[in-house]
Amino acid sequence: MKVNTLKVFTVALLCVFLVSAAGCKKKHLRTFGKVLAIGIAAKIIYDMVVDYRSKQTQNDNQVVNKYKNQFNELPPEPELINYESNLLPGSVINPGEAVSIRSSLEVVRGQTQEAVSIQEKITIYDNEDPNKVLKSLIKTVNQETNRCGAFENEFTFTLPKGMPQGIYPVKTTVIIDGKEQKPVENKMQLVSIGLEKGLMLAVN
């Protein structure tokens, strides 16, 4: 069941005031407010819509011929030749601003089969705990052809207002026939007053 973020925020603030009225120490209130902020941030990002689009720039024959010209024969298994991923418009993000992760990748097929599955995965991590996944999404790059090639891709999303400020690690990874390749990491620095600071003010 989908929970309204505004309701969660209202309940969170109510809890802070109730705990404050009970006479708890400010240090505990600050910790409580911080935990609530992290939880609401996780909820906001979990519900966030991420759009994806992919465009093929070189077909399978072009990539295969180029690889053979350089190495004489194809690799035993499909291979990721190139992969780049960049955060736009930059690493410093404002709430409500559209964010894009643009990538380019090139995959060559192996010797034994022409068909290859190419996917791209985006993972957004918590700004307090870099090991905690807030959102993860996998999209198929070559759904129409099921062949190797070169592609330009883009994940697009908007960080809603109310997100706590901080640095959110973002990793993108190519998955070839179910095998994850080496990820590329970017870091989003969200600059705003944020929900966390609002909760701190509420308990002071």
N, C-alpha and C. Protein backbone atom coordinates (compact mmCIF):
# COMPACT_ATOMS: atom_id res chain seq x y z
N MET A 1 0.85 -1.19 0.00
CA MET A 1 0.00 0.00 0.00
C MET A 1 0.88 1.23 0.00
N LYS A 2 0.63 2.16 -0.92
CA LYS A 2 1.46 3.34 -1.05
C LYS A 2 1.14 4.34 0.05
N VAL A 3 2.16 4.83 0.74
CA VAL A 3 1.99 5.77 1.84
C VAL A 3 2.28 7.17 1.35
N ASN A 4 1.38 8.10 1.66
CA ASN A 4 1.58 9.50 1.27
C ASN A 4 2.73 10.09 2.06
N THR A 5 3.73 10.66 1.34
CA THR A 5 4.94 11.18 1.98
C THR A 5 4.62 12.33 2.93
N LEU A 6 3.63 13.17 2.57
CA LEU A 6 3.26 14.29 3.43
C LEU A 6 2.72 13.79 4.75
N LYS A 7 1.92 12.70 4.70
CA LYS A 7 1.38 12.13 5.93
C LYS A 7 2.49 11.58 6.81
N VAL A 8 3.47 10.91 6.17
CA VAL A 8 4.59 10.37 6.92
C VAL A 8 5.36 11.49 7.60
N PHE A 9 5.57 12.59 6.86
CA PHE A 9 6.29 13.74 7.40
C PHE A 9 5.54 14.34 8.59
N THR A 10 4.20 14.47 8.45
CA THR A 10 3.39 15.05 9.52
C THR A 10 3.44 14.20 10.78
N VAL A 11 3.32 12.88 10.59
CA VAL A 11 3.40 11.96 11.72
C VAL A 11 4.76 12.04 12.38
N ALA A 12 5.81 12.17 11.56
CA ALA A 12 7.17 12.25 12.10
C ALA A 12 7.34 13.48 12.98
N LEU A 13 6.85 14.62 12.50
CA LEU A 13 6.95 15.85 13.29
C LEU A 13 6.14 15.75 14.58
N LEU A 14 4.97 15.11 14.49
CA LEU A 14 4.13 14.94 15.66
C LEU A 14 4.85 14.11 16.72
N CYS A 15 5.53 13.06 16.25
CA CYS A 15 6.29 12.21 17.17
C CYS A 15 7.38 13.00 17.87
N VAL A 16 8.05 13.88 17.12
CA VAL A 16 9.12 14.69 17.71
C VAL A 16 8.57 15.57 18.83
N PHE A 17 7.43 16.23 18.59
CA PHE A 17 6.86 17.11 19.60
C PHE A 17 6.37 16.34 20.82
N LEU A 18 5.82 15.15 20.60
CA LEU A 18 5.34 14.33 21.71
C LEU A 18 6.51 13.87 22.59
N VAL A 19 7.59 13.45 21.92
CA VAL A 19 8.76 13.02 22.67
C VAL A 19 9.36 14.19 23.43
N SER A 20 9.35 15.37 22.79
CA SER A 20 9.88 16.57 23.44
C SER A 20 9.07 16.90 24.69
N ALA A 21 7.76 16.77 24.60
CA ALA A 21 6.89 17.08 25.74
C ALA A 21 7.11 16.12 26.89
N ALA A 22 7.56 14.92 26.58
CA ALA A 22 7.81 13.92 27.62
C ALA A 22 9.08 14.20 28.39
N GLY A 23 9.87 15.19 27.94
CA GLY A 23 11.05 15.59 28.69
C GLY A 23 12.31 14.82 28.37
N CYS A 24 12.44 14.25 27.17
CA CYS A 24 13.66 13.53 26.80
C CYS A 24 14.79 14.51 26.56
N LYS A 25 16.01 14.01 26.63
CA LYS A 25 17.18 14.84 26.41
C LYS A 25 17.25 15.28 24.95
N LYS A 26 17.80 16.49 24.73
CA LYS A 26 17.90 17.02 23.38
C LYS A 26 18.75 16.14 22.47
N LYS A 27 19.78 15.54 23.05
CA LYS A 27 20.65 14.68 22.24
C LYS A 27 19.86 13.52 21.67
N HIS A 28 18.99 12.94 22.47
CA HIS A 28 18.17 11.83 22.00
C HIS A 28 17.16 12.29 20.97
N LEU A 29 16.65 13.49 21.15
CA LEU A 29 15.70 14.04 20.19
C LEU A 29 16.35 14.29 18.85
N ARG A 30 17.60 14.80 18.89
CA ARG A 30 18.31 15.03 17.64
C ARG A 30 18.54 13.71 16.90
N THR A 31 18.93 12.69 17.65
CA THR A 31 19.14 11.38 17.04
C THR A 31 17.85 10.84 16.45
N PHE A 32 16.77 11.01 17.19
CA PHE A 32 15.46 10.56 16.73
C PHE A 32 15.06 11.28 15.45
N GLY A 33 15.27 12.61 15.44
CA GLY A 33 14.94 13.39 14.25
C GLY A 33 15.76 12.96 13.05
N LYS A 34 17.03 12.64 13.29
CA LYS A 34 17.91 12.21 12.21
C LYS A 34 17.44 10.89 11.61
N VAL A 35 17.04 9.96 12.48
CA VAL A 35 16.55 8.66 12.02
C VAL A 35 15.28 8.83 11.20
N LEU A 36 14.39 9.71 11.66
CA LEU A 36 13.16 9.97 10.92
C LEU A 36 13.45 10.56 9.55
N ALA A 37 14.42 11.49 9.50
CA ALA A 37 14.78 12.12 8.22
C ALA A 37 15.30 11.09 7.24
N ILE A 38 16.14 10.18 7.72
CA ILE A 38 16.70 9.14 6.85
C ILE A 38 15.59 8.24 6.33
N GLY A 39 14.65 7.89 7.22
CA GLY A 39 13.56 7.02 6.82
C GLY A 39 12.67 7.66 5.77
N ILE A 40 12.38 8.95 5.93
CA ILE A 40 11.54 9.65 4.97
C ILE A 40 12.28 9.82 3.64
N ALA A 41 13.59 10.06 3.70
CA ALA A 41 14.38 10.17 2.47
C ALA A 41 14.32 8.86 1.69
N ALA A 42 14.42 7.74 2.41
CA ALA A 42 14.35 6.43 1.76
C ALA A 42 13.00 6.24 1.08
N LYS A 43 11.93 6.66 1.75
CA LYS A 43 10.58 6.53 1.20
C LYS A 43 10.43 7.39 -0.05
N ILE A 44 10.94 8.63 0.00
CA ILE A 44 10.82 9.54 -1.14
C ILE A 44 11.53 8.98 -2.37
N ILE A 45 12.76 8.50 -2.18
CA ILE A 45 13.53 7.98 -3.31
C ILE A 45 12.94 6.66 -3.82
N TYR A 46 12.41 5.84 -2.90
CA TYR A 46 11.80 4.58 -3.31
C TYR A 46 10.62 4.82 -4.25
N ASP A 47 9.84 5.86 -3.98
CA ASP A 47 8.67 6.18 -4.80
C ASP A 47 9.02 7.01 -6.03
N MET A 48 10.24 7.48 -6.12
CA MET A 48 10.65 8.36 -7.21
C MET A 48 10.62 7.62 -8.56
N VAL A 49 10.09 8.28 -9.57
CA VAL A 49 10.02 7.71 -10.92
C VAL A 49 11.34 7.94 -11.65
N VAL A 50 11.89 6.89 -12.24
CA VAL A 50 13.12 6.98 -13.02
C VAL A 50 12.82 6.59 -14.46
N ASP A 51 13.03 7.52 -15.38
CA ASP A 51 12.84 7.25 -16.80
C ASP A 51 14.14 6.75 -17.42
N TYR A 52 14.00 5.96 -18.48
CA TYR A 52 15.20 5.41 -19.14
C TYR A 52 14.99 5.39 -20.65
N ARG A 53 16.03 5.74 -21.35
CA ARG A 53 15.99 5.64 -22.81
C ARG A 53 17.36 5.20 -23.32
N SER A 54 17.34 4.48 -24.44
CA SER A 54 18.57 3.95 -25.00
C SER A 54 18.56 4.13 -26.52
N LYS A 55 19.72 4.48 -27.06
CA LYS A 55 19.85 4.66 -28.50
C LYS A 55 21.09 3.92 -28.99
N GLN A 56 20.91 3.10 -30.03
CA GLN A 56 22.04 2.36 -30.58
C GLN A 56 22.82 3.25 -31.53
N THR A 57 24.14 3.29 -31.36
CA THR A 57 24.99 4.14 -32.19
C THR A 57 25.83 3.33 -33.18
N GLN A 58 26.07 2.05 -32.86
CA GLN A 58 26.76 1.14 -33.79
C GLN A 58 26.10 -0.23 -33.70
N ASN A 59 25.88 -0.87 -34.86
CA ASN A 59 25.23 -2.18 -34.83
C ASN A 59 26.23 -3.30 -34.54
N ASP A 60 25.73 -4.52 -34.49
CA ASP A 60 26.58 -5.65 -34.12
C ASP A 60 27.70 -5.89 -35.12
N ASN A 61 27.41 -5.77 -36.42
CA ASN A 61 28.44 -5.99 -37.44
C ASN A 61 29.57 -4.97 -37.34
N GLN A 62 29.22 -3.73 -37.09
CA GLN A 62 30.25 -2.69 -36.96
C GLN A 62 31.18 -2.96 -35.78
N VAL A 63 30.59 -3.33 -34.64
CA VAL A 63 31.39 -3.59 -33.45
C VAL A 63 32.23 -4.84 -33.63
N VAL A 64 31.65 -5.90 -34.22
CA VAL A 64 32.38 -7.15 -34.43
C VAL A 64 33.54 -6.94 -35.40
N ASN A 65 33.30 -6.25 -36.51
CA ASN A 65 34.37 -6.03 -37.50
C ASN A 65 35.50 -5.18 -36.92
N LYS A 66 35.13 -4.17 -36.15
CA LYS A 66 36.14 -3.31 -35.53
C LYS A 66 37.00 -4.11 -34.55
N TYR A 67 36.37 -4.99 -33.79
CA TYR A 67 37.10 -5.81 -32.82
C TYR A 67 38.03 -6.79 -33.55
N LYS A 68 37.54 -7.41 -34.62
CA LYS A 68 38.35 -8.37 -35.37
C LYS A 68 39.55 -7.69 -36.03
N ASN A 69 39.34 -6.47 -36.52
CA ASN A 69 40.45 -5.74 -37.13
C ASN A 69 41.56 -5.45 -36.13
N GLN A 70 41.18 -5.30 -34.87
CA GLN A 70 42.17 -4.98 -33.84
C GLN A 70 42.78 -6.23 -33.20
N PHE A 71 41.96 -7.27 -33.00
CA PHE A 71 42.44 -8.44 -32.26
C PHE A 71 42.39 -9.74 -33.08
N ASN A 72 42.00 -9.66 -34.34
CA ASN A 72 41.95 -10.80 -35.28
C ASN A 72 40.78 -11.74 -35.05
N GLU A 73 40.40 -12.01 -33.82
CA GLU A 73 39.27 -12.90 -33.56
C GLU A 73 38.47 -12.41 -32.36
N LEU A 74 37.25 -12.91 -32.28
CA LEU A 74 36.36 -12.50 -31.20
C LEU A 74 36.78 -13.14 -29.87
N PRO A 75 36.39 -12.53 -28.75
CA PRO A 75 36.71 -13.12 -27.44
C PRO A 75 35.88 -14.38 -27.21
N PRO A 76 36.28 -15.26 -26.31
CA PRO A 76 35.52 -16.49 -26.05
C PRO A 76 34.08 -16.21 -25.59
N GLU A 77 33.90 -15.16 -24.79
CA GLU A 77 32.59 -14.77 -24.28
C GLU A 77 32.34 -13.29 -24.58
N PRO A 78 31.07 -12.86 -24.52
CA PRO A 78 30.78 -11.43 -24.74
C PRO A 78 31.61 -10.55 -23.81
N GLU A 79 32.05 -9.43 -24.33
CA GLU A 79 32.98 -8.58 -23.58
C GLU A 79 32.54 -7.12 -23.64
N LEU A 80 32.63 -6.46 -22.48
CA LEU A 80 32.37 -5.02 -22.40
C LEU A 80 33.65 -4.29 -22.80
N ILE A 81 33.61 -3.61 -23.93
CA ILE A 81 34.81 -2.95 -24.45
C ILE A 81 34.99 -1.57 -23.83
N ASN A 82 33.92 -0.80 -23.81
CA ASN A 82 33.98 0.55 -23.24
C ASN A 82 32.72 0.81 -22.42
N TYR A 83 32.89 1.59 -21.34
CA TYR A 83 31.74 2.01 -20.55
C TYR A 83 32.07 3.28 -19.80
N GLU A 84 31.26 4.32 -20.03
CA GLU A 84 31.40 5.60 -19.33
C GLU A 84 30.03 6.04 -18.82
N SER A 85 30.02 6.68 -17.67
CA SER A 85 28.77 7.14 -17.08
C SER A 85 29.02 8.46 -16.36
N ASN A 86 28.19 9.47 -16.65
CA ASN A 86 28.39 10.80 -16.08
C ASN A 86 27.09 11.37 -15.55
N LEU A 87 27.22 12.19 -14.51
CA LEU A 87 26.08 12.83 -13.87
C LEU A 87 25.90 14.23 -14.44
N LEU A 88 24.69 14.54 -14.89
CA LEU A 88 24.38 15.86 -15.44
C LEU A 88 23.17 16.43 -14.71
N PRO A 89 23.16 17.78 -14.47
CA PRO A 89 24.06 18.81 -14.98
C PRO A 89 25.40 18.91 -14.25
N GLY A 90 25.58 18.16 -13.17
CA GLY A 90 26.82 18.19 -12.42
C GLY A 90 26.62 17.44 -11.12
N SER A 91 27.65 17.45 -10.27
CA SER A 91 27.57 16.69 -9.03
C SER A 91 26.76 17.39 -7.94
N VAL A 92 26.58 18.72 -8.06
CA VAL A 92 25.80 19.48 -7.08
C VAL A 92 24.37 19.61 -7.59
N ILE A 93 23.41 19.09 -6.82
CA ILE A 93 22.02 19.01 -7.25
C ILE A 93 21.13 19.80 -6.29
N ASN A 94 20.12 20.47 -6.85
CA ASN A 94 19.11 21.16 -6.05
C ASN A 94 17.81 20.36 -6.07
N PRO A 95 17.06 20.35 -4.98
CA PRO A 95 15.77 19.65 -4.97
C PRO A 95 14.85 20.19 -6.06
N GLY A 96 14.14 19.32 -6.72
CA GLY A 96 13.24 19.71 -7.79
C GLY A 96 13.92 19.84 -9.14
N GLU A 97 15.22 19.65 -9.18
CA GLU A 97 15.97 19.76 -10.43
C GLU A 97 16.11 18.40 -11.09
N ALA A 98 15.90 18.35 -12.41
CA ALA A 98 16.03 17.10 -13.15
C ALA A 98 17.49 16.65 -13.17
N VAL A 99 17.71 15.38 -12.93
CA VAL A 99 19.05 14.80 -12.91
C VAL A 99 19.13 13.71 -13.97
N SER A 100 20.25 13.66 -14.68
CA SER A 100 20.44 12.63 -15.69
C SER A 100 21.76 11.90 -15.46
N ILE A 101 21.71 10.59 -15.59
CA ILE A 101 22.92 9.77 -15.64
C ILE A 101 23.05 9.30 -17.07
N ARG A 102 23.96 9.91 -17.80
CA ARG A 102 24.16 9.56 -19.22
C ARG A 102 25.36 8.64 -19.36
N SER A 103 25.17 7.60 -20.15
CA SER A 103 26.23 6.61 -20.30
C SER A 103 26.40 6.22 -21.76
N SER A 104 27.58 5.73 -22.05
CA SER A 104 27.86 5.14 -23.36
C SER A 104 28.56 3.81 -23.11
N LEU A 105 28.16 2.79 -23.86
CA LEU A 105 28.76 1.47 -23.67
C LEU A 105 28.89 0.76 -25.01
N GLU A 106 29.86 -0.16 -25.04
CA GLU A 106 30.10 -0.96 -26.25
C GLU A 106 30.37 -2.40 -25.83
N VAL A 107 29.61 -3.31 -26.39
CA VAL A 107 29.73 -4.73 -26.08
C VAL A 107 29.92 -5.51 -27.37
N VAL A 108 30.88 -6.43 -27.38
CA VAL A 108 31.09 -7.31 -28.52
C VAL A 108 30.69 -8.73 -28.11
N ARG A 109 30.09 -9.45 -29.02
CA ARG A 109 29.65 -10.82 -28.71
C ARG A 109 30.83 -11.78 -28.63
N GLY A 110 30.57 -12.98 -28.12
CA GLY A 110 31.60 -14.00 -28.05
C GLY A 110 31.66 -14.83 -29.32
N GLN A 111 32.52 -15.80 -29.34
CA GLN A 111 32.75 -16.62 -30.54
C GLN A 111 31.61 -17.60 -30.82
N THR A 112 30.94 -18.07 -29.78
CA THR A 112 30.03 -19.20 -29.96
C THR A 112 28.58 -18.84 -30.23
N GLN A 113 28.16 -17.62 -29.92
CA GLN A 113 26.76 -17.28 -30.14
C GLN A 113 26.61 -15.80 -30.48
N GLU A 114 25.60 -15.50 -31.29
CA GLU A 114 25.36 -14.13 -31.72
C GLU A 114 24.49 -13.36 -30.73
N ALA A 115 23.54 -14.04 -30.12
CA ALA A 115 22.63 -13.37 -29.19
C ALA A 115 23.35 -13.04 -27.87
N VAL A 116 23.06 -11.87 -27.34
CA VAL A 116 23.65 -11.46 -26.06
C VAL A 116 22.67 -10.53 -25.35
N SER A 117 22.54 -10.72 -24.06
CA SER A 117 21.68 -9.87 -23.25
C SER A 117 22.51 -8.75 -22.63
N ILE A 118 22.11 -7.50 -22.90
CA ILE A 118 22.82 -6.34 -22.35
C ILE A 118 21.83 -5.52 -21.53
N GLN A 119 22.15 -5.34 -20.27
CA GLN A 119 21.32 -4.54 -19.37
C GLN A 119 22.18 -3.49 -18.67
N GLU A 120 21.50 -2.46 -18.18
CA GLU A 120 22.19 -1.44 -17.39
C GLU A 120 21.43 -1.25 -16.07
N LYS A 121 22.18 -1.15 -15.00
CA LYS A 121 21.59 -1.06 -13.66
C LYS A 121 22.02 0.24 -12.99
N ILE A 122 21.07 0.91 -12.36
CA ILE A 122 21.39 2.10 -11.56
C ILE A 122 21.02 1.81 -10.10
N THR A 123 21.90 2.20 -9.19
CA THR A 123 21.66 2.01 -7.77
C THR A 123 21.97 3.30 -7.03
N ILE A 124 21.01 3.79 -6.23
CA ILE A 124 21.19 5.00 -5.44
C ILE A 124 21.31 4.59 -3.98
N TYR A 125 22.35 5.09 -3.32
CA TYR A 125 22.63 4.73 -1.93
C TYR A 125 22.31 5.86 -0.98
N ASP A 126 22.15 5.52 0.30
CA ASP A 126 21.82 6.48 1.34
C ASP A 126 22.98 7.44 1.59
N ASN A 127 22.65 8.69 1.94
CA ASN A 127 23.70 9.67 2.19
C ASN A 127 24.37 9.47 3.55
N GLU A 128 23.73 8.74 4.47
CA GLU A 128 24.33 8.46 5.77
C GLU A 128 25.04 7.11 5.80
N ASP A 129 24.46 6.13 5.14
CA ASP A 129 25.02 4.78 5.10
C ASP A 129 25.26 4.39 3.65
N PRO A 130 26.51 4.46 3.16
CA PRO A 130 26.80 4.20 1.75
C PRO A 130 26.56 2.76 1.32
N ASN A 131 26.26 1.88 2.28
CA ASN A 131 25.97 0.48 1.95
C ASN A 131 24.47 0.20 1.86
N LYS A 132 23.67 1.20 2.23
CA LYS A 132 22.22 1.02 2.21
C LYS A 132 21.65 1.47 0.87
N VAL A 133 20.99 0.56 0.17
CA VAL A 133 20.41 0.86 -1.14
C VAL A 133 19.04 1.51 -0.95
N LEU A 134 18.86 2.71 -1.54
CA LEU A 134 17.57 3.39 -1.50
C LEU A 134 16.71 3.04 -2.70
N LYS A 135 17.35 2.86 -3.85
CA LYS A 135 16.60 2.51 -5.06
C LYS A 135 17.53 1.82 -6.05
N SER A 136 17.01 0.79 -6.70
CA SER A 136 17.79 0.07 -7.71
C SER A 136 16.87 -0.27 -8.88
N LEU A 137 17.38 -0.10 -10.07
CA LEU A 137 16.57 -0.30 -11.27
C LEU A 137 17.42 -0.89 -12.39
N ILE A 138 16.89 -1.89 -13.09
CA ILE A 138 17.59 -2.52 -14.21
C ILE A 138 16.77 -2.36 -15.48
N LYS A 139 17.43 -1.92 -16.56
CA LYS A 139 16.77 -1.75 -17.85
C LYS A 139 17.55 -2.50 -18.94
N THR A 140 16.81 -3.09 -19.86
CA THR A 140 17.45 -3.79 -20.98
C THR A 140 17.86 -2.79 -22.05
N VAL A 141 19.10 -2.88 -22.48
CA VAL A 141 19.65 -1.93 -23.46
C VAL A 141 19.31 -2.34 -24.88
N ASN A 142 19.43 -3.64 -25.20
CA ASN A 142 19.28 -4.12 -26.58
C ASN A 142 18.04 -4.98 -26.75
N GLN A 143 16.94 -4.53 -26.19
CA GLN A 143 15.71 -5.33 -26.21
C GLN A 143 15.22 -5.62 -27.62
N GLU A 144 15.38 -4.68 -28.54
CA GLU A 144 14.86 -4.84 -29.90
C GLU A 144 15.70 -5.80 -30.74
N THR A 145 17.00 -5.85 -30.53
CA THR A 145 17.87 -6.64 -31.40
C THR A 145 18.42 -7.90 -30.74
N ASN A 146 18.61 -7.84 -29.43
CA ASN A 146 19.26 -8.94 -28.69
C ASN A 146 20.64 -9.25 -29.27
N ARG A 147 21.28 -8.21 -29.77
CA ARG A 147 22.62 -8.34 -30.36
C ARG A 147 23.57 -7.35 -29.69
N CYS A 148 24.86 -7.55 -29.91
CA CYS A 148 25.85 -6.63 -29.37
C CYS A 148 25.84 -5.33 -30.16
N GLY A 149 26.63 -4.36 -29.71
CA GLY A 149 26.68 -3.08 -30.39
C GLY A 149 27.16 -2.00 -29.45
N ALA A 150 27.04 -0.76 -29.91
CA ALA A 150 27.38 0.41 -29.09
C ALA A 150 26.10 1.20 -28.83
N PHE A 151 25.95 1.72 -27.60
CA PHE A 151 24.70 2.36 -27.20
C PHE A 151 24.98 3.61 -26.37
N GLU A 152 24.04 4.56 -26.45
CA GLU A 152 24.03 5.73 -25.58
C GLU A 152 22.74 5.67 -24.78
N ASN A 153 22.86 5.77 -23.45
CA ASN A 153 21.71 5.58 -22.58
C ASN A 153 21.57 6.74 -21.60
N GLU A 154 20.38 6.83 -21.01
CA GLU A 154 20.14 7.91 -20.05
C GLU A 154 19.07 7.52 -19.03
N PHE A 155 19.44 7.59 -17.74
CA PHE A 155 18.49 7.53 -16.64
C PHE A 155 18.16 8.96 -16.25
N THR A 156 16.87 9.29 -16.10
CA THR A 156 16.47 10.65 -15.73
C THR A 156 15.49 10.59 -14.56
N PHE A 157 15.71 11.44 -13.56
CA PHE A 157 14.82 11.51 -12.42
C PHE A 157 14.94 12.88 -11.77
N THR A 158 14.02 13.17 -10.88
CA THR A 158 14.01 14.44 -10.15
C THR A 158 13.96 14.17 -8.66
N LEU A 159 14.94 14.68 -7.92
CA LEU A 159 14.94 14.53 -6.47
C LEU A 159 13.91 15.49 -5.89
N PRO A 160 12.89 14.98 -5.22
CA PRO A 160 11.80 15.85 -4.73
C PRO A 160 12.29 16.79 -3.63
N LYS A 161 11.55 17.88 -3.49
CA LYS A 161 11.82 18.80 -2.38
C LYS A 161 11.48 18.09 -1.07
N GLY A 162 12.27 18.36 -0.05
CA GLY A 162 12.10 17.67 1.22
C GLY A 162 13.18 16.64 1.48
N MET A 163 14.02 16.39 0.47
CA MET A 163 15.12 15.45 0.66
C MET A 163 16.19 16.06 1.55
N PRO A 164 16.73 15.29 2.51
CA PRO A 164 17.84 15.80 3.33
C PRO A 164 19.07 16.08 2.48
N GLN A 165 19.77 17.16 2.79
CA GLN A 165 20.98 17.44 2.05
C GLN A 165 22.06 16.43 2.41
N GLY A 166 23.00 16.27 1.52
CA GLY A 166 24.08 15.31 1.74
C GLY A 166 24.57 14.74 0.43
N ILE A 167 25.50 13.82 0.51
CA ILE A 167 26.08 13.21 -0.69
C ILE A 167 25.50 11.81 -0.85
N TYR A 168 24.86 11.58 -1.99
CA TYR A 168 24.23 10.30 -2.29
C TYR A 168 25.04 9.58 -3.38
N PRO A 169 25.70 8.49 -3.06
CA PRO A 169 26.44 7.73 -4.08
C PRO A 169 25.47 7.10 -5.08
N VAL A 170 25.86 7.12 -6.35
CA VAL A 170 25.07 6.50 -7.41
C VAL A 170 26.00 5.62 -8.25
N LYS A 171 25.64 4.36 -8.38
CA LYS A 171 26.45 3.45 -9.19
C LYS A 171 25.65 2.96 -10.39
N THR A 172 26.32 2.91 -11.54
CA THR A 172 25.72 2.31 -12.73
C THR A 172 26.60 1.15 -13.18
N THR A 173 25.95 0.10 -13.64
CA THR A 173 26.66 -1.12 -13.99
C THR A 173 26.05 -1.73 -15.24
N VAL A 174 26.90 -2.30 -16.08
CA VAL A 174 26.44 -3.06 -17.24
C VAL A 174 26.36 -4.54 -16.85
N ILE A 175 25.26 -5.17 -17.25
CA ILE A 175 25.07 -6.60 -16.98
C ILE A 175 25.01 -7.34 -18.31
N ILE A 176 25.96 -8.24 -18.53
CA ILE A 176 26.04 -8.99 -19.79
C ILE A 176 25.72 -10.45 -19.52
N ASP A 177 24.64 -10.93 -20.13
CA ASP A 177 24.20 -12.31 -19.92
C ASP A 177 24.13 -12.66 -18.43
N GLY A 178 23.62 -11.72 -17.64
CA GLY A 178 23.43 -11.95 -16.22
C GLY A 178 24.64 -11.69 -15.35
N LYS A 179 25.77 -11.33 -15.95
CA LYS A 179 27.00 -11.10 -15.19
C LYS A 179 27.27 -9.59 -15.07
N GLU A 180 27.31 -9.10 -13.83
CA GLU A 180 27.58 -7.69 -13.61
C GLU A 180 29.04 -7.35 -13.86
N GLN A 181 29.26 -6.27 -14.58
CA GLN A 181 30.61 -5.79 -14.87
C GLN A 181 31.02 -4.77 -13.80
N LYS A 182 32.22 -4.24 -13.93
CA LYS A 182 32.72 -3.27 -12.97
C LYS A 182 31.87 -2.00 -13.01
N PRO A 183 31.36 -1.55 -11.85
CA PRO A 183 30.48 -0.38 -11.84
C PRO A 183 31.23 0.94 -11.98
N VAL A 184 30.49 1.96 -12.39
CA VAL A 184 31.00 3.33 -12.40
C VAL A 184 30.25 4.09 -11.33
N GLU A 185 30.97 4.82 -10.48
CA GLU A 185 30.35 5.51 -9.36
C GLU A 185 30.36 7.02 -9.56
N ASN A 186 29.20 7.63 -9.34
CA ASN A 186 29.07 9.09 -9.30
C ASN A 186 28.52 9.47 -7.92
N LYS A 187 28.66 10.73 -7.56
CA LYS A 187 28.14 11.18 -6.27
C LYS A 187 27.29 12.43 -6.46
N MET A 188 26.05 12.34 -6.00
CA MET A 188 25.15 13.49 -6.04
C MET A 188 25.24 14.23 -4.72
N GLN A 189 25.58 15.50 -4.76
CA GLN A 189 25.58 16.31 -3.54
C GLN A 189 24.33 17.18 -3.56
N LEU A 190 23.38 16.82 -2.72
CA LEU A 190 22.12 17.55 -2.65
C LEU A 190 22.29 18.75 -1.71
N VAL A 191 22.04 19.93 -2.22
CA VAL A 191 22.23 21.16 -1.44
C VAL A 191 20.87 21.78 -1.19
N SER A 192 20.42 21.71 0.08
CA SER A 192 19.15 22.30 0.48
C SER A 192 19.10 22.32 2.00
N ILE A 193 18.11 23.02 2.56
CA ILE A 193 17.91 22.99 4.00
C ILE A 193 17.55 21.58 4.41
N GLY A 194 16.67 20.98 3.65
CA GLY A 194 16.37 19.56 3.81
C GLY A 194 15.48 19.24 4.99
N LEU A 195 14.94 18.06 4.94
CA LEU A 195 14.05 17.57 5.98
C LEU A 195 14.77 17.39 7.30
N GLU A 196 16.02 16.91 7.23
CA GLU A 196 16.76 16.62 8.47
C GLU A 196 16.94 17.87 9.30
N LYS A 197 17.31 18.99 8.65
CA LYS A 197 17.52 20.22 9.39
C LYS A 197 16.21 20.72 9.99
N GLY A 198 15.10 20.53 9.23
CA GLY A 198 13.80 20.92 9.74
C GLY A 198 13.44 20.18 11.00
N LEU A 199 13.79 18.90 11.06
CA LEU A 199 13.51 18.13 12.24
C LEU A 199 14.40 18.58 13.41
N MET A 200 15.63 18.97 13.11
CA MET A 200 16.52 19.45 14.16
C MET A 200 15.96 20.73 14.78
N LEU A 201 15.42 21.61 13.93
CA LEU A 201 14.86 22.86 14.43
C LEU A 201 13.65 22.59 15.32
N ALA A 202 12.92 21.53 14.96
CA ALA A 202 11.69 21.22 15.69
C ALA A 202 11.98 20.77 17.12
N VAL A 203 13.17 20.19 17.35
CA VAL A 203 13.46 19.65 18.67
C VAL A 203 14.36 20.55 19.50
N ASN A 204 14.79 21.69 18.95
CA ASN A 204 15.65 22.61 19.70
C ASN A 204 14.80 23.55 20.57
